Every structure is written in structure tokens, then in C-alpha cells.
Amino acid sequence: MNQASPQKLRVLVAEDNPAVREFIMRALAGVGHEVTTVADGRQALDELSKSGFDVLVTDIVMPNVDGIALALKATSLHADLRIVMISGYAQERMRAHNIEALVHRIIAKPFSINEICDAVRDAMN
């Protein structure tokens, strides 16, 4: 596993699957990031309105507000927010490529601890 990140980041994770959400939270907290988790895009927008974050990690397919709509809204509110998208569906990953100017990385599920940690770190570079 990666060593502790030199930069502690504030990361918001929006993922509707509780097991995946917990996996991401533990991976990122394990390398020293401050992690907040939510179950859908609407909750993510609420958190973004209350707190500042460096990186948003979001699933593409979620209830209420999907990851693509979330990315569009989030970057309109916080232009410097970095976005990492995750999805198990190739078709949805293709949809995300249409907004690639806003998205710093798209990761296919399943992914490893190293992949998610590296994606968050790389989003800040």
C-alpha cells in the first residue's frame, strides 16, 4: 500500500454502495486524508455547500443526482475542486468522457486501494 501522502487533502466521497463507500473512505483515510462520505449526489451537493473540499470522488450511477450532474454543479460552485469519477459500467464511463475537461480521472470498478489513492493524489498535480 502507498505510504502516507505528503499532502493531507479534504476528500468528499459520493458513492451509493455502502461497501464501496467504506472501502474508499478507509483507503484514503489510511494515507492521511480527511474523508467525508455521502450516499448520493444530493447529499454531496449539501456537503459542498457547507464545507470546502480539495477532491470529489464520485460514482457515476447514483440515485437523486448522478455523478455527471454532480460534477457539473460542483465545478460551477467550486472551480478549483478536483474530480475523480468511478464506475462499473463502460457505457457510463464513456458518458463521463464528454465532460473530461472537468474530470481529472475516471476509474473502472473494481479498483485497488493503490488505484484510488493514486487517483486522488494525481488529481492535485
N, C-alpha and C. Protein backbone atom coordinates (compact mmCIF):
# COMPACT_ATOMS: atom_id res chain seq x y z
N MET A 1 0.85 -1.17 0.00
CA MET A 1 0.00 0.00 0.00
C MET A 1 0.89 1.23 0.00
N ASN A 2 0.37 2.35 -0.47
CA ASN A 2 1.11 3.59 -0.52
C ASN A 2 1.48 4.05 0.88
N GLN A 3 2.57 4.81 0.95
CA GLN A 3 2.92 5.44 2.20
C GLN A 3 2.04 6.67 2.37
N ALA A 4 2.09 7.27 3.55
CA ALA A 4 1.26 8.44 3.82
C ALA A 4 1.52 9.52 2.78
N SER A 5 0.46 10.16 2.33
CA SER A 5 0.58 11.23 1.35
C SER A 5 1.27 12.42 1.98
N PRO A 6 2.10 13.11 1.20
CA PRO A 6 2.76 14.29 1.74
C PRO A 6 1.77 15.43 1.97
N GLN A 7 0.65 15.40 1.31
CA GLN A 7 -0.34 16.46 1.39
C GLN A 7 -1.65 15.88 1.92
N LYS A 8 -2.12 16.41 3.05
CA LYS A 8 -3.41 15.97 3.59
C LYS A 8 -4.51 16.72 2.84
N LEU A 9 -5.37 15.97 2.19
CA LEU A 9 -6.44 16.55 1.38
C LEU A 9 -7.79 16.35 2.05
N ARG A 10 -8.70 17.26 1.77
CA ARG A 10 -10.09 17.10 2.20
C ARG A 10 -10.85 16.49 1.03
N VAL A 11 -11.34 15.27 1.24
CA VAL A 11 -11.94 14.50 0.15
C VAL A 11 -13.40 14.20 0.49
N LEU A 12 -14.28 14.48 -0.47
CA LEU A 12 -15.69 14.12 -0.36
C LEU A 12 -15.92 12.92 -1.26
N VAL A 13 -16.48 11.85 -0.70
CA VAL A 13 -16.76 10.63 -1.45
C VAL A 13 -18.27 10.47 -1.57
N ALA A 14 -18.78 10.43 -2.81
CA ALA A 14 -20.20 10.21 -3.09
C ALA A 14 -20.33 8.86 -3.78
N GLU A 15 -20.88 7.90 -3.07
CA GLU A 15 -21.00 6.52 -3.57
C GLU A 15 -22.20 5.89 -2.90
N ASP A 16 -23.13 5.34 -3.71
CA ASP A 16 -24.35 4.77 -3.14
C ASP A 16 -24.17 3.37 -2.58
N ASN A 17 -23.13 2.66 -2.95
CA ASN A 17 -22.89 1.32 -2.43
C ASN A 17 -22.11 1.44 -1.11
N PRO A 18 -22.73 1.03 0.01
CA PRO A 18 -22.07 1.21 1.31
C PRO A 18 -20.70 0.53 1.41
N ALA A 19 -20.55 -0.65 0.83
CA ALA A 19 -19.27 -1.37 0.92
C ALA A 19 -18.18 -0.63 0.15
N VAL A 20 -18.50 -0.14 -1.03
CA VAL A 20 -17.52 0.60 -1.84
C VAL A 20 -17.19 1.92 -1.15
N ARG A 21 -18.21 2.58 -0.63
CA ARG A 21 -18.01 3.85 0.08
C ARG A 21 -17.05 3.66 1.26
N GLU A 22 -17.26 2.61 2.04
CA GLU A 22 -16.40 2.31 3.19
C GLU A 22 -14.98 1.97 2.73
N PHE A 23 -14.85 1.21 1.66
CA PHE A 23 -13.54 0.84 1.11
C PHE A 23 -12.74 2.10 0.74
N ILE A 24 -13.39 3.01 0.03
CA ILE A 24 -12.72 4.25 -0.39
C ILE A 24 -12.35 5.09 0.83
N MET A 25 -13.28 5.21 1.77
CA MET A 25 -13.02 6.00 2.97
C MET A 25 -11.81 5.47 3.72
N ARG A 26 -11.77 4.17 3.94
CA ARG A 26 -10.65 3.57 4.67
C ARG A 26 -9.33 3.73 3.91
N ALA A 27 -9.37 3.55 2.59
CA ALA A 27 -8.15 3.68 1.79
C ALA A 27 -7.59 5.09 1.89
N LEU A 28 -8.45 6.09 1.72
CA LEU A 28 -7.98 7.48 1.71
C LEU A 28 -7.61 7.97 3.10
N ALA A 29 -8.39 7.58 4.10
CA ALA A 29 -8.05 7.95 5.48
C ALA A 29 -6.74 7.28 5.89
N GLY A 30 -6.51 6.09 5.38
CA GLY A 30 -5.30 5.34 5.70
C GLY A 30 -4.02 6.00 5.22
N VAL A 31 -4.12 6.86 4.21
CA VAL A 31 -2.94 7.59 3.75
C VAL A 31 -2.96 9.04 4.24
N GLY A 32 -3.84 9.33 5.19
CA GLY A 32 -3.80 10.62 5.87
C GLY A 32 -4.78 11.68 5.41
N HIS A 33 -5.68 11.35 4.50
CA HIS A 33 -6.64 12.36 4.04
C HIS A 33 -7.82 12.46 5.00
N GLU A 34 -8.44 13.62 5.01
CA GLU A 34 -9.67 13.85 5.78
C GLU A 34 -10.83 13.52 4.84
N VAL A 35 -11.63 12.52 5.19
CA VAL A 35 -12.64 11.99 4.27
C VAL A 35 -14.04 12.16 4.84
N THR A 36 -14.94 12.69 4.02
CA THR A 36 -16.36 12.77 4.33
C THR A 36 -17.08 11.92 3.30
N THR A 37 -18.04 11.10 3.73
CA THR A 37 -18.76 10.24 2.79
C THR A 37 -20.24 10.57 2.77
N VAL A 38 -20.84 10.42 1.60
CA VAL A 38 -22.28 10.57 1.41
C VAL A 38 -22.76 9.49 0.45
N ALA A 39 -24.08 9.26 0.45
CA ALA A 39 -24.65 8.15 -0.31
C ALA A 39 -25.21 8.53 -1.68
N ASP A 40 -25.30 9.82 -1.98
CA ASP A 40 -25.82 10.21 -3.30
C ASP A 40 -25.39 11.63 -3.64
N GLY A 41 -25.72 12.02 -4.86
CA GLY A 41 -25.32 13.33 -5.35
C GLY A 41 -25.97 14.49 -4.63
N ARG A 42 -27.21 14.33 -4.22
CA ARG A 42 -27.89 15.41 -3.50
C ARG A 42 -27.19 15.68 -2.17
N GLN A 43 -26.84 14.60 -1.45
CA GLN A 43 -26.12 14.77 -0.19
C GLN A 43 -24.75 15.40 -0.44
N ALA A 44 -24.12 15.04 -1.54
CA ALA A 44 -22.81 15.62 -1.87
C ALA A 44 -22.92 17.12 -2.09
N LEU A 45 -23.96 17.55 -2.80
CA LEU A 45 -24.15 18.99 -3.02
C LEU A 45 -24.39 19.71 -1.70
N ASP A 46 -25.13 19.08 -0.78
CA ASP A 46 -25.33 19.67 0.55
C ASP A 46 -24.00 19.84 1.27
N GLU A 47 -23.17 18.81 1.24
CA GLU A 47 -21.85 18.89 1.90
C GLU A 47 -20.97 19.95 1.25
N LEU A 48 -21.00 20.02 -0.07
CA LEU A 48 -20.19 21.01 -0.78
C LEU A 48 -20.61 22.43 -0.43
N SER A 49 -21.89 22.62 -0.12
CA SER A 49 -22.37 23.96 0.23
C SER A 49 -21.95 24.35 1.65
N LYS A 50 -21.65 23.35 2.49
CA LYS A 50 -21.30 23.61 3.89
C LYS A 50 -19.80 23.65 4.13
N SER A 51 -19.03 22.87 3.38
CA SER A 51 -17.61 22.69 3.67
C SER A 51 -16.79 22.78 2.40
N GLY A 52 -15.53 23.10 2.57
CA GLY A 52 -14.61 23.12 1.43
C GLY A 52 -13.91 21.79 1.28
N PHE A 53 -13.74 21.35 0.06
CA PHE A 53 -13.06 20.10 -0.24
C PHE A 53 -12.05 20.34 -1.35
N ASP A 54 -11.00 19.52 -1.34
CA ASP A 54 -10.00 19.58 -2.40
C ASP A 54 -10.37 18.66 -3.56
N VAL A 55 -10.92 17.48 -3.21
CA VAL A 55 -11.21 16.46 -4.22
C VAL A 55 -12.60 15.87 -3.96
N LEU A 56 -13.33 15.66 -5.04
CA LEU A 56 -14.60 14.93 -5.01
C LEU A 56 -14.38 13.60 -5.73
N VAL A 57 -14.63 12.50 -5.03
CA VAL A 57 -14.61 11.17 -5.64
C VAL A 57 -16.07 10.76 -5.75
N THR A 58 -16.56 10.55 -6.96
CA THR A 58 -17.97 10.25 -7.13
C THR A 58 -18.22 9.09 -8.08
N ASP A 59 -19.17 8.26 -7.68
CA ASP A 59 -19.68 7.24 -8.58
C ASP A 59 -20.45 7.96 -9.68
N ILE A 60 -20.56 7.37 -10.83
CA ILE A 60 -21.34 7.99 -11.90
C ILE A 60 -22.81 7.67 -11.73
N VAL A 61 -23.13 6.40 -11.47
CA VAL A 61 -24.53 5.98 -11.36
C VAL A 61 -24.93 6.01 -9.88
N MET A 62 -25.78 6.99 -9.53
CA MET A 62 -26.29 7.13 -8.16
C MET A 62 -27.72 7.65 -8.22
N PRO A 63 -28.47 7.42 -7.14
CA PRO A 63 -29.83 7.95 -7.09
C PRO A 63 -29.82 9.47 -6.88
N ASN A 64 -30.96 10.07 -7.14
CA ASN A 64 -31.22 11.51 -6.94
C ASN A 64 -30.44 12.38 -7.92
N VAL A 65 -29.15 12.55 -7.73
CA VAL A 65 -28.31 13.32 -8.64
C VAL A 65 -27.14 12.41 -9.03
N ASP A 66 -27.00 12.11 -10.33
CA ASP A 66 -25.91 11.20 -10.72
C ASP A 66 -24.57 11.93 -10.70
N GLY A 67 -23.50 11.17 -10.86
CA GLY A 67 -22.16 11.73 -10.75
C GLY A 67 -21.83 12.78 -11.78
N ILE A 68 -22.37 12.64 -12.98
CA ILE A 68 -22.09 13.63 -14.02
C ILE A 68 -22.77 14.95 -13.71
N ALA A 69 -24.04 14.91 -13.32
CA ALA A 69 -24.73 16.13 -12.92
C ALA A 69 -24.06 16.75 -11.69
N LEU A 70 -23.63 15.89 -10.78
CA LEU A 70 -22.92 16.37 -9.59
C LEU A 70 -21.63 17.08 -9.98
N ALA A 71 -20.85 16.49 -10.87
CA ALA A 71 -19.59 17.11 -11.30
C ALA A 71 -19.84 18.47 -11.94
N LEU A 72 -20.85 18.56 -12.79
CA LEU A 72 -21.17 19.84 -13.45
C LEU A 72 -21.55 20.90 -12.43
N LYS A 73 -22.41 20.55 -11.50
CA LYS A 73 -22.85 21.51 -10.48
C LYS A 73 -21.72 21.86 -9.53
N ALA A 74 -20.97 20.85 -9.10
CA ALA A 74 -19.89 21.07 -8.14
C ALA A 74 -18.83 22.01 -8.69
N THR A 75 -18.45 21.83 -9.95
CA THR A 75 -17.41 22.69 -10.52
C THR A 75 -17.94 24.09 -10.81
N SER A 76 -19.25 24.23 -11.00
CA SER A 76 -19.80 25.58 -11.17
C SER A 76 -19.77 26.33 -9.83
N LEU A 77 -19.86 25.60 -8.73
CA LEU A 77 -19.81 26.22 -7.39
C LEU A 77 -18.38 26.39 -6.89
N HIS A 78 -17.52 25.45 -7.24
CA HIS A 78 -16.14 25.43 -6.73
C HIS A 78 -15.20 25.11 -7.91
N ALA A 79 -14.76 26.13 -8.60
CA ALA A 79 -13.98 25.95 -9.83
C ALA A 79 -12.67 25.19 -9.60
N ASP A 80 -12.12 25.26 -8.40
CA ASP A 80 -10.84 24.60 -8.13
C ASP A 80 -10.98 23.18 -7.60
N LEU A 81 -12.20 22.68 -7.48
CA LEU A 81 -12.44 21.32 -7.00
C LEU A 81 -11.95 20.31 -8.03
N ARG A 82 -11.19 19.33 -7.59
CA ARG A 82 -10.71 18.26 -8.46
C ARG A 82 -11.69 17.09 -8.37
N ILE A 83 -11.94 16.44 -9.50
CA ILE A 83 -12.95 15.38 -9.53
C ILE A 83 -12.36 14.08 -10.06
N VAL A 84 -12.62 13.01 -9.32
CA VAL A 84 -12.29 11.65 -9.72
C VAL A 84 -13.61 10.90 -9.81
N MET A 85 -13.89 10.29 -10.96
CA MET A 85 -15.13 9.53 -11.14
C MET A 85 -14.82 8.04 -11.15
N ILE A 86 -15.78 7.28 -10.61
CA ILE A 86 -15.66 5.82 -10.60
C ILE A 86 -16.95 5.22 -11.15
N SER A 87 -16.81 4.10 -11.85
CA SER A 87 -17.99 3.41 -12.36
C SER A 87 -17.66 1.99 -12.78
N GLY A 88 -18.63 1.13 -12.59
CA GLY A 88 -18.51 -0.25 -13.04
C GLY A 88 -19.09 -0.45 -14.42
N TYR A 89 -19.61 0.60 -15.03
CA TYR A 89 -20.29 0.48 -16.32
C TYR A 89 -19.52 1.21 -17.41
N ALA A 90 -19.08 0.48 -18.43
CA ALA A 90 -18.31 1.07 -19.52
C ALA A 90 -19.09 2.18 -20.21
N GLN A 91 -20.39 1.99 -20.41
CA GLN A 91 -21.21 3.00 -21.08
C GLN A 91 -21.22 4.30 -20.28
N GLU A 92 -21.28 4.20 -18.97
CA GLU A 92 -21.28 5.40 -18.13
C GLU A 92 -19.91 6.08 -18.14
N ARG A 93 -18.85 5.29 -18.19
CA ARG A 93 -17.51 5.89 -18.28
C ARG A 93 -17.37 6.66 -19.59
N MET A 94 -18.00 6.16 -20.66
CA MET A 94 -17.97 6.88 -21.94
C MET A 94 -18.72 8.21 -21.82
N ARG A 95 -19.85 8.21 -21.11
CA ARG A 95 -20.59 9.47 -20.87
C ARG A 95 -19.71 10.47 -20.15
N ALA A 96 -18.93 9.99 -19.19
CA ALA A 96 -18.08 10.89 -18.41
C ALA A 96 -16.99 11.51 -19.27
N HIS A 97 -16.56 10.82 -20.32
CA HIS A 97 -15.53 11.38 -21.19
C HIS A 97 -16.03 12.64 -21.89
N ASN A 98 -17.34 12.82 -21.98
CA ASN A 98 -17.89 14.03 -22.58
C ASN A 98 -17.65 15.26 -21.72
N ILE A 99 -17.33 15.06 -20.45
CA ILE A 99 -17.03 16.19 -19.57
C ILE A 99 -15.59 16.10 -19.06
N GLU A 100 -14.71 15.52 -19.86
CA GLU A 100 -13.35 15.26 -19.41
C GLU A 100 -12.58 16.52 -19.02
N ALA A 101 -13.00 17.69 -19.48
CA ALA A 101 -12.34 18.92 -19.06
C ALA A 101 -12.54 19.18 -17.57
N LEU A 102 -13.62 18.64 -17.01
CA LEU A 102 -13.91 18.83 -15.59
C LEU A 102 -13.41 17.69 -14.72
N VAL A 103 -13.20 16.53 -15.32
CA VAL A 103 -12.87 15.32 -14.57
C VAL A 103 -11.38 15.04 -14.70
N HIS A 104 -10.73 14.82 -13.58
CA HIS A 104 -9.29 14.59 -13.58
C HIS A 104 -8.91 13.13 -13.78
N ARG A 105 -9.83 12.23 -13.44
CA ARG A 105 -9.56 10.80 -13.65
C ARG A 105 -10.86 10.04 -13.59
N ILE A 106 -10.97 8.99 -14.42
CA ILE A 106 -12.11 8.07 -14.40
C ILE A 106 -11.54 6.69 -14.12
N ILE A 107 -12.04 6.05 -13.08
CA ILE A 107 -11.54 4.74 -12.67
C ILE A 107 -12.64 3.71 -12.84
N ALA A 108 -12.27 2.56 -13.39
CA ALA A 108 -13.21 1.45 -13.55
C ALA A 108 -13.26 0.62 -12.27
N LYS A 109 -14.48 0.24 -11.90
CA LYS A 109 -14.65 -0.71 -10.79
C LYS A 109 -14.46 -2.11 -11.36
N PRO A 110 -13.90 -3.02 -10.63
CA PRO A 110 -13.32 -2.84 -9.29
C PRO A 110 -11.94 -2.20 -9.39
N PHE A 111 -11.54 -1.50 -8.34
CA PHE A 111 -10.24 -0.85 -8.31
C PHE A 111 -9.54 -1.21 -7.00
N SER A 112 -8.24 -1.00 -6.98
CA SER A 112 -7.44 -1.33 -5.80
C SER A 112 -7.29 -0.11 -4.89
N ILE A 113 -6.81 -0.36 -3.70
CA ILE A 113 -6.50 0.73 -2.77
C ILE A 113 -5.50 1.68 -3.42
N ASN A 114 -4.47 1.12 -4.03
CA ASN A 114 -3.45 1.97 -4.67
C ASN A 114 -4.05 2.81 -5.78
N GLU A 115 -4.94 2.24 -6.58
CA GLU A 115 -5.54 3.00 -7.69
C GLU A 115 -6.31 4.21 -7.19
N ILE A 116 -7.13 4.03 -6.16
CA ILE A 116 -7.94 5.16 -5.68
C ILE A 116 -7.06 6.20 -5.00
N CYS A 117 -6.08 5.75 -4.22
CA CYS A 117 -5.17 6.69 -3.56
C CYS A 117 -4.33 7.46 -4.58
N ASP A 118 -3.83 6.76 -5.59
CA ASP A 118 -3.04 7.42 -6.63
C ASP A 118 -3.89 8.41 -7.42
N ALA A 119 -5.14 8.06 -7.71
CA ALA A 119 -6.02 8.94 -8.48
C ALA A 119 -6.27 10.25 -7.73
N VAL A 120 -6.50 10.14 -6.43
CA VAL A 120 -6.74 11.35 -5.62
C VAL A 120 -5.47 12.20 -5.56
N ARG A 121 -4.35 11.57 -5.33
CA ARG A 121 -3.07 12.31 -5.28
C ARG A 121 -2.80 12.98 -6.63
N ASP A 122 -2.96 12.23 -7.72
CA ASP A 122 -2.67 12.75 -9.05
C ASP A 122 -3.62 13.87 -9.46
N ALA A 123 -4.84 13.85 -8.95
CA ALA A 123 -5.81 14.90 -9.28
C ALA A 123 -5.32 16.27 -8.82
N MET A 124 -4.50 16.29 -7.80
CA MET A 124 -3.99 17.57 -7.28
C MET A 124 -2.75 18.06 -8.02
N ASN A 125 -2.20 17.24 -8.89
CA ASN A 125 -0.99 17.64 -9.64
C ASN A 125 -1.33 18.24 -10.98
